[in-house]
Amino acid sequence: MPVLWQRKLLAVTLSLSIASPASGQLRRMQPELVFRTVGEFTEFGAMTVDVAGRILATQPGDRMVLLFSSTGKQLAKFGRAGSGPGEFATIGRVGTHEGGFWIDDPLLRRATLLSPTLRLINTASVPATIIGTAVRLSALGQGDTLILRARQVAGRGDGTTFYVLPRSGARPYVIGRLDPSPECEMSDSSSAGIVTATIYHCTRQFAEVSGNGTMVATVSFDRPGDSAYRVTLVRARGDTVFSSLVPFRPIAISSKMADSILGEHAASAPAPIAALIRKMKLPSTYPPVTQVLVSSDGTFWLASHSNGVTREWTRFSDAGHSVATVLLPENVRMFAATSNQMWGVERDGDGVPNLVSYRLR
């Protein structure tokens, strides 16, 4: 099985349900813009949203996080470059923790815990026994920490392992694993050394955690070439909320479109990478899923391939049924969602990022 959960499965087994609307057609929701910030960022990395709708967003180059109100007004800033308390070598994921926030520093292998007003509380280090090149942290209740480990080996991920680190100092334990995605990178030698490029539109498996670390969502394929993917929602303690098969109709990538995609990317890439891109062979179909979002209340959204103007998002119920869809602009990348609101980043024609939020009706 691609997804291995090592604790009690409460809701459904890993092979029974086929996701479909509980009754009738999917509800088509309409987005209504709540706010759009302007001129607040020079760059953007990640974000999280707390229960009050406040947004913590990162500006990695400045080793800084910015806090915004539920209406998009900037409230506070925190952080600077360094290795001391309240400083960051890098800024990765962010999330919520006991009313406040946590900020992951992959290079220093630690998470910084902040109060609701961005006052420094503490730092939590990743144990040396957990090894990986991409370690992501999410805070759990009672001070435990959920750790996702994802390593890259020869261009192929060796999967994602879900750890829980007890506050008591006991040894970290594993609650589940997600098998690696198909080959999605290619490498070649050049005068500049070994160069690597990601294969565009490669079908990947996904593992995502809610901002407060209580929910883990995965998208996987039981077998290569399947016309259905599996969506699984698990509580961080290991209990399965649902696991469903979602059928999809593959959308072909024509040879003309493949040539256009590769030509466009090669034209803007440095020479060694451009040469590698020109050798690339794209998949025959677009990936059925391009992004996954899960909230602390179990709201689960999946994004499909963009048509160049809009991207369709599908929401699942806690029984694993697809129940609603919404079309959002293609130039907006979503980072957080509930059942009736989504938050993300919109880039203007110059690539400048702005926070946006949509209410869904």
Protein backbone atom coordinates (compact mmCIF):
# COMPACT_ATOMS: atom_id res chain seq x y z
CA MET A 1 0.00 0.00 0.00
CA PRO A 2 1.35 3.47 -0.81
CA VAL A 3 0.16 4.90 2.51
CA LEU A 4 0.99 2.99 5.69
CA TRP A 5 -0.67 4.18 8.91
CA GLN A 6 0.56 2.38 11.97
CA ARG A 7 -2.24 3.09 14.40
CA LYS A 8 -5.91 2.18 14.70
CA LEU A 9 -8.02 2.94 11.61
CA LEU A 10 -11.30 4.32 12.93
CA ALA A 11 -13.42 5.56 10.09
CA VAL A 12 -12.83 3.44 7.01
CA THR A 13 -10.36 0.88 5.73
CA LEU A 14 -7.85 1.74 3.04
CA SER A 15 -9.72 0.03 0.20
CA LEU A 16 -13.47 0.42 0.55
CA SER A 17 -14.91 3.78 -0.41
CA ILE A 18 -15.21 5.52 -3.74
CA ALA A 19 -15.48 9.31 -3.33
CA SER A 20 -18.61 10.86 -4.81
CA PRO A 21 -21.18 13.48 -3.82
CA ALA A 22 -23.42 12.24 -1.04
CA SER A 23 -26.44 13.21 -3.14
CA GLY A 24 -27.01 15.07 -6.38
CA GLN A 25 -24.43 17.26 -8.08
CA LEU A 26 -21.43 18.94 -6.56
CA ARG A 27 -22.20 22.36 -5.14
CA ARG A 28 -20.58 25.09 -7.22
CA MET A 29 -19.39 27.77 -4.79
CA GLN A 30 -18.80 31.39 -5.80
CA PRO A 31 -15.70 33.29 -4.58
CA GLU A 32 -16.03 36.80 -3.14
CA LEU A 33 -12.83 38.81 -2.55
CA VAL A 34 -12.49 39.77 1.14
CA PHE A 35 -9.23 41.73 0.86
CA ARG A 36 -6.07 42.18 -1.19
CA THR A 37 -2.92 43.69 0.34
CA VAL A 38 -0.76 45.98 -1.80
CA GLY A 39 2.94 46.75 -1.36
CA GLU A 40 3.45 44.78 1.88
CA PHE A 41 5.95 42.24 0.51
CA THR A 42 9.16 42.20 -1.45
CA GLU A 43 8.92 38.40 -1.57
CA PHE A 44 6.76 35.66 -0.09
CA GLY A 45 7.42 32.18 1.28
CA ALA A 46 4.60 30.60 3.30
CA MET A 47 1.63 31.45 5.50
CA THR A 48 -0.71 30.14 8.16
CA VAL A 49 -4.07 31.37 9.48
CA ASP A 50 -5.19 31.14 13.12
CA VAL A 51 -8.73 30.54 14.43
CA ALA A 52 -9.38 34.31 14.52
CA GLY A 53 -8.51 34.66 10.82
CA ARG A 54 -5.18 36.42 11.44
CA ILE A 55 -2.48 35.61 8.87
CA LEU A 56 1.19 34.97 9.59
CA ALA A 57 3.21 35.28 6.36
CA THR A 58 6.93 34.91 5.73
CA GLN A 59 9.44 37.11 3.91
CA PRO A 60 12.35 34.63 3.77
CA GLY A 61 15.03 36.91 2.31
CA ASP A 62 14.74 39.24 5.29
CA ARG A 63 14.38 36.27 7.74
CA MET A 64 11.13 37.88 8.84
CA VAL A 65 7.47 37.05 9.44
CA LEU A 66 4.58 39.52 9.19
CA LEU A 67 1.28 39.32 11.05
CA PHE A 68 -1.96 40.58 9.44
CA SER A 69 -5.48 41.01 10.76
CA SER A 70 -8.45 39.12 9.32
CA THR A 71 -9.07 42.15 7.09
CA GLY A 72 -5.51 42.31 5.74
CA LYS A 73 -4.09 45.08 7.96
CA GLN A 74 -0.46 44.58 9.01
CA LEU A 75 -0.19 44.23 12.80
CA ALA A 76 3.40 43.24 13.62
CA LYS A 77 6.76 41.96 12.33
CA PHE A 78 9.28 39.57 13.85
CA GLY A 79 12.71 38.15 13.03
CA ARG A 80 16.10 38.89 11.55
CA ALA A 81 19.09 36.98 10.16
CA GLY A 82 21.26 35.11 12.65
CA SER A 83 21.41 32.02 14.85
CA GLY A 84 20.42 33.45 18.23
CA PRO A 85 17.00 33.54 19.90
CA GLY A 86 14.42 35.11 17.60
CA GLU A 87 16.78 34.87 14.63
CA PHE A 88 16.68 32.66 11.53
CA ALA A 89 19.21 31.16 9.14
CA THR A 90 16.32 30.18 6.87
CA ILE A 91 12.54 30.30 7.17
CA GLY A 92 10.48 27.33 6.05
CA ARG A 93 6.95 26.38 7.06
CA VAL A 94 4.86 28.22 9.64
CA GLY A 95 1.87 27.13 11.69
CA THR A 96 -0.22 27.76 14.79
CA HIS A 97 0.57 26.58 18.30
CA GLU A 98 -1.51 26.97 21.48
CA GLY A 99 -2.94 30.33 20.37
CA GLY A 100 0.37 31.55 18.95
CA PHE A 101 2.60 30.54 16.05
CA TRP A 102 5.63 28.41 15.17
CA ILE A 103 8.27 29.08 12.48
CA ASP A 104 10.44 26.32 11.03
CA ASP A 105 14.16 26.94 10.40
CA PRO A 106 15.36 23.95 8.30
CA LEU A 107 19.01 25.02 8.36
CA LEU A 108 19.21 25.40 12.15
CA ARG A 109 16.85 22.38 12.52
CA ARG A 110 14.57 24.06 15.00
CA ALA A 111 11.16 25.72 15.36
CA THR A 112 10.67 29.11 17.00
CA LEU A 113 7.50 29.44 19.09
CA LEU A 114 5.81 32.86 19.26
CA SER A 115 2.93 34.30 21.27
CA PRO A 116 -0.24 35.60 19.53
CA THR A 117 1.43 39.06 19.46
CA LEU A 118 4.73 37.65 18.06
CA ARG A 119 6.60 37.68 21.37
CA LEU A 120 9.36 35.04 21.55
CA ILE A 121 8.40 32.10 23.78
CA ASN A 122 10.87 29.33 23.07
CA THR A 123 12.66 27.24 20.44
CA ALA A 124 12.25 23.49 19.83
CA SER A 125 15.10 21.58 18.16
CA VAL A 126 14.79 18.60 15.84
CA PRO A 127 16.45 15.51 17.39
CA ALA A 128 19.68 14.38 15.76
CA THR A 129 18.16 10.90 15.36
CA ILE A 130 15.79 12.23 12.68
CA ILE A 131 17.76 12.70 9.47
CA GLY A 132 16.51 14.34 6.29
CA THR A 133 17.16 17.14 3.87
CA ALA A 134 13.66 18.61 4.15
CA VAL A 135 12.39 18.51 7.71
CA ARG A 136 9.06 20.21 8.37
CA LEU A 137 7.52 20.73 11.78
CA SER A 138 3.95 21.17 12.99
CA ALA A 139 3.07 21.69 16.63
CA LEU A 140 0.59 19.35 18.30
CA GLY A 141 -1.38 19.75 21.48
CA GLN A 142 0.27 19.11 24.83
CA GLY A 143 3.54 20.32 23.32
CA ASP A 144 4.21 17.30 21.11
CA THR A 145 5.67 18.05 17.69
CA LEU A 146 4.74 16.36 14.43
CA ILE A 147 7.74 16.10 12.12
CA LEU A 148 7.58 15.31 8.41
CA ARG A 149 10.74 13.97 6.85
CA ALA A 150 11.25 13.93 3.08
CA ARG A 151 14.62 13.05 1.57
CA GLN A 152 15.74 13.28 -2.03
CA VAL A 153 17.97 10.46 -3.28
CA ALA A 154 19.23 10.50 -6.89
CA GLY A 155 16.32 12.62 -8.03
CA ARG A 156 13.73 10.35 -6.40
CA GLY A 157 12.08 11.03 -3.06
CA ASP A 158 12.37 8.12 -0.64
CA GLY A 159 8.94 8.95 0.71
CA THR A 160 7.60 10.98 3.61
CA THR A 161 7.70 9.72 7.17
CA PHE A 162 5.39 11.14 9.84
CA TYR A 163 6.97 11.33 13.30
CA VAL A 164 5.63 12.48 16.65
CA LEU A 165 8.13 13.87 19.15
CA PRO A 166 6.69 13.61 22.70
CA ARG A 167 7.18 16.53 25.06
CA SER A 168 8.29 14.06 27.74
CA GLY A 169 11.54 13.53 25.87
CA ALA A 170 10.64 9.97 24.97
CA ARG A 171 11.91 8.54 21.70
CA PRO A 172 10.12 9.86 18.56
CA TYR A 173 7.65 7.38 17.09
CA VAL A 174 6.33 6.93 13.57
CA ILE A 175 2.60 7.16 12.82
CA GLY A 176 2.80 6.56 9.08
CA ARG A 177 4.66 6.72 5.79
CA LEU A 178 3.88 7.79 2.25
CA ASP A 179 5.69 5.97 -0.55
CA PRO A 180 7.76 8.06 -3.01
CA SER A 181 6.26 9.71 -6.07
CA PRO A 182 7.21 8.49 -9.55
CA GLU A 183 10.43 9.79 -11.04
CA CYS A 184 9.94 13.54 -11.39
CA GLU A 185 13.48 14.83 -11.90
CA MET A 186 16.19 14.29 -14.46
CA SER A 187 19.90 15.05 -14.32
CA ASP A 188 22.75 15.34 -16.79
CA SER A 189 26.38 16.40 -16.82
CA SER A 190 27.55 19.64 -18.38
CA SER A 191 30.58 21.89 -18.41
CA ALA A 192 29.12 23.47 -15.25
CA GLY A 193 28.86 20.07 -13.53
CA ILE A 194 25.75 18.01 -12.79
CA VAL A 195 22.53 19.88 -13.54
CA THR A 196 19.05 18.81 -12.43
CA ALA A 197 15.61 19.86 -13.61
CA THR A 198 12.08 19.00 -12.50
CA ILE A 199 9.94 17.26 -15.11
CA TYR A 200 7.02 19.57 -15.78
CA HIS A 201 3.51 18.21 -15.08
CA CYS A 202 4.89 15.09 -13.44
CA THR A 203 2.26 13.29 -11.32
CA ARG A 204 3.31 13.46 -7.69
CA GLN A 205 2.01 12.10 -4.44
CA PHE A 206 1.22 14.64 -1.72
CA ALA A 207 1.49 14.84 2.06
CA GLU A 208 0.20 17.94 3.83
CA VAL A 209 -0.35 18.87 7.48
CA SER A 210 -2.78 21.37 8.98
CA GLY A 211 -1.27 24.52 10.46
CA ASN A 212 -1.78 23.31 14.04
CA GLY A 213 -0.46 19.84 13.27
CA THR A 214 -3.61 17.91 14.17
CA MET A 215 -4.53 16.65 10.68
CA VAL A 216 -2.46 14.91 7.98
CA ALA A 217 -3.76 14.65 4.40
CA THR A 218 -2.25 12.53 1.65
CA VAL A 219 -2.91 11.92 -2.03
CA SER A 220 -1.45 8.72 -3.44
CA PHE A 221 -1.80 6.23 -6.29
CA ASP A 222 -2.27 2.53 -5.58
CA ARG A 223 -0.66 1.61 -8.90
CA PRO A 224 1.07 3.59 -11.66
CA GLY A 225 -1.33 4.56 -14.43
CA ASP A 226 -4.41 4.29 -12.23
CA SER A 227 -7.49 6.27 -13.30
CA ALA A 228 -8.23 7.01 -9.64
CA TYR A 229 -6.19 8.47 -6.82
CA ARG A 230 -6.58 7.88 -3.09
CA VAL A 231 -7.25 10.72 -0.67
CA THR A 232 -6.66 9.97 3.00
CA LEU A 233 -7.23 12.18 6.04
CA VAL A 234 -5.64 11.09 9.31
CA ARG A 235 -5.53 12.66 12.74
CA ALA A 236 -1.96 13.21 13.88
CA ARG A 237 -2.38 10.57 16.58
CA GLY A 238 -2.83 8.01 13.81
CA ASP A 239 -6.64 7.60 13.58
CA THR A 240 -8.00 7.58 10.00
CA VAL A 241 -10.89 9.97 9.36
CA PHE A 242 -11.45 8.69 5.81
CA SER A 243 -9.67 7.06 2.89
CA SER A 244 -11.39 7.23 -0.50
CA LEU A 245 -10.68 6.51 -4.14
CA VAL A 246 -11.39 9.47 -6.43
CA PRO A 247 -11.83 8.60 -10.12
CA PHE A 248 -10.61 11.11 -12.69
CA ARG A 249 -10.52 11.48 -16.44
CA PRO A 250 -6.94 12.05 -17.67
CA ILE A 251 -6.35 15.20 -19.76
CA ALA A 252 -3.85 14.55 -22.55
CA ILE A 253 -0.80 16.74 -23.19
CA SER A 254 -0.53 17.01 -26.97
CA SER A 255 2.89 16.86 -28.59
CA LYS A 256 2.41 20.44 -29.79
CA MET A 257 1.62 21.61 -26.24
CA ALA A 258 4.58 19.63 -24.84
CA ASP A 259 6.94 21.33 -27.32
CA SER A 260 5.49 24.72 -26.37
CA ILE A 261 5.88 24.09 -22.64
CA LEU A 262 9.47 22.91 -22.96
CA GLY A 263 10.38 25.71 -25.36
CA GLU A 264 8.99 28.40 -23.06
CA HIS A 265 10.87 27.08 -20.02
CA ALA A 266 14.11 26.52 -21.93
CA ALA A 267 14.04 30.07 -23.29
CA SER A 268 14.15 31.56 -19.79
CA ALA A 269 16.56 29.06 -18.18
CA PRO A 270 20.37 29.27 -17.86
CA ALA A 271 22.16 27.50 -20.72
CA PRO A 272 23.05 24.22 -18.90
CA ILE A 273 19.49 23.77 -17.59
CA ALA A 274 17.98 24.85 -20.93
CA ALA A 275 19.94 22.09 -22.65
CA LEU A 276 18.56 19.57 -20.15
CA ILE A 277 14.99 20.84 -20.61
CA ARG A 278 15.24 20.35 -24.37
CA LYS A 279 15.99 16.65 -23.73
CA MET A 280 13.04 16.29 -21.38
CA LYS A 281 10.05 14.10 -22.22
CA LEU A 282 6.80 15.23 -20.63
CA PRO A 283 4.15 12.83 -19.31
CA SER A 284 1.31 11.97 -21.71
CA THR A 285 -1.32 13.50 -19.36
CA TYR A 286 -1.57 16.36 -16.87
CA PRO A 287 -1.47 15.43 -13.17
CA PRO A 288 -4.98 15.10 -11.66
CA VAL A 289 -3.95 16.93 -8.46
CA THR A 290 -1.63 19.94 -8.21
CA GLN A 291 -2.07 21.05 -4.59
CA VAL A 292 -3.57 19.87 -1.28
CA LEU A 293 -4.86 21.96 1.64
CA VAL A 294 -6.08 20.67 5.00
CA SER A 295 -7.29 22.73 7.96
CA SER A 296 -7.32 21.97 11.68
CA ASP A 297 -11.07 21.22 11.53
CA GLY A 298 -10.50 18.57 8.85
CA THR A 299 -11.61 20.65 5.84
CA PHE A 300 -9.82 19.05 2.87
CA TRP A 301 -9.37 20.78 -0.53
CA LEU A 302 -7.66 19.51 -3.71
CA ALA A 303 -6.64 21.63 -6.71
CA SER A 304 -6.70 20.31 -10.27
CA HIS A 305 -4.78 21.33 -13.38
CA SER A 306 -5.22 24.96 -14.45
CA ASN A 307 -6.79 25.83 -17.81
CA GLY A 308 -4.55 28.90 -17.97
CA VAL A 309 -7.20 31.25 -16.56
CA THR A 310 -8.75 29.51 -13.54
CA ARG A 311 -8.02 26.51 -11.36
CA GLU A 312 -10.74 24.29 -9.89
CA TRP A 313 -10.65 23.36 -6.22
CA THR A 314 -12.73 20.48 -4.81
CA ARG A 315 -13.77 20.18 -1.16
CA PHE A 316 -14.28 16.85 0.60
CA SER A 317 -16.60 16.11 3.51
CA ASP A 318 -15.40 14.33 6.66
CA ALA A 319 -16.88 11.15 5.15
CA GLY A 320 -14.55 11.40 2.17
CA HIS A 321 -17.16 12.58 -0.36
CA SER A 322 -16.45 15.40 -2.83
CA VAL A 323 -19.14 17.94 -1.98
CA ALA A 324 -18.25 21.32 -3.50
CA THR A 325 -16.06 23.03 -6.08
CA VAL A 326 -14.90 26.58 -6.69
CA LEU A 327 -13.00 28.24 -9.56
CA LEU A 328 -10.24 30.65 -8.51
CA PRO A 329 -7.81 32.74 -10.59
CA GLU A 330 -4.83 30.79 -11.92
CA ASN A 331 -2.37 33.44 -10.68
CA VAL A 332 -3.39 32.86 -7.04
CA ARG A 333 -1.69 30.13 -5.03
CA MET A 334 -3.74 29.10 -2.01
CA PHE A 335 -2.09 28.35 1.34
CA ALA A 336 -4.95 27.95 3.82
CA ALA A 337 -8.66 27.18 3.74
CA THR A 338 -11.76 26.42 5.78
CA SER A 339 -15.09 25.21 4.44
CA ASN A 340 -16.10 28.76 3.40
CA GLN A 341 -12.92 30.87 3.14
CA MET A 342 -9.51 30.55 1.46
CA TRP A 343 -6.27 32.54 1.79
CA GLY A 344 -3.43 32.76 -0.66
CA VAL A 345 -0.96 34.86 -2.62
CA GLU A 346 -1.68 36.64 -5.89
CA ARG A 347 1.16 37.79 -8.11
CA ASP A 348 0.65 40.81 -10.32
CA GLY A 349 2.04 41.26 -13.82
CA ASP A 350 5.47 42.11 -12.39
CA GLY A 351 5.49 39.08 -10.10
CA VAL A 352 4.96 41.14 -6.93
CA PRO A 353 3.13 39.06 -4.26
CA ASN A 354 -0.01 40.28 -2.49
CA LEU A 355 -2.07 38.47 0.13
CA VAL A 356 -5.67 37.74 -0.86
CA SER A 357 -8.63 36.11 0.81
CA TYR A 358 -11.84 34.81 -0.73
CA ARG A 359 -15.12 34.06 1.02
CA LEU A 360 -16.94 31.15 -0.61
CA ARG A 361 -20.74 31.24 -0.94
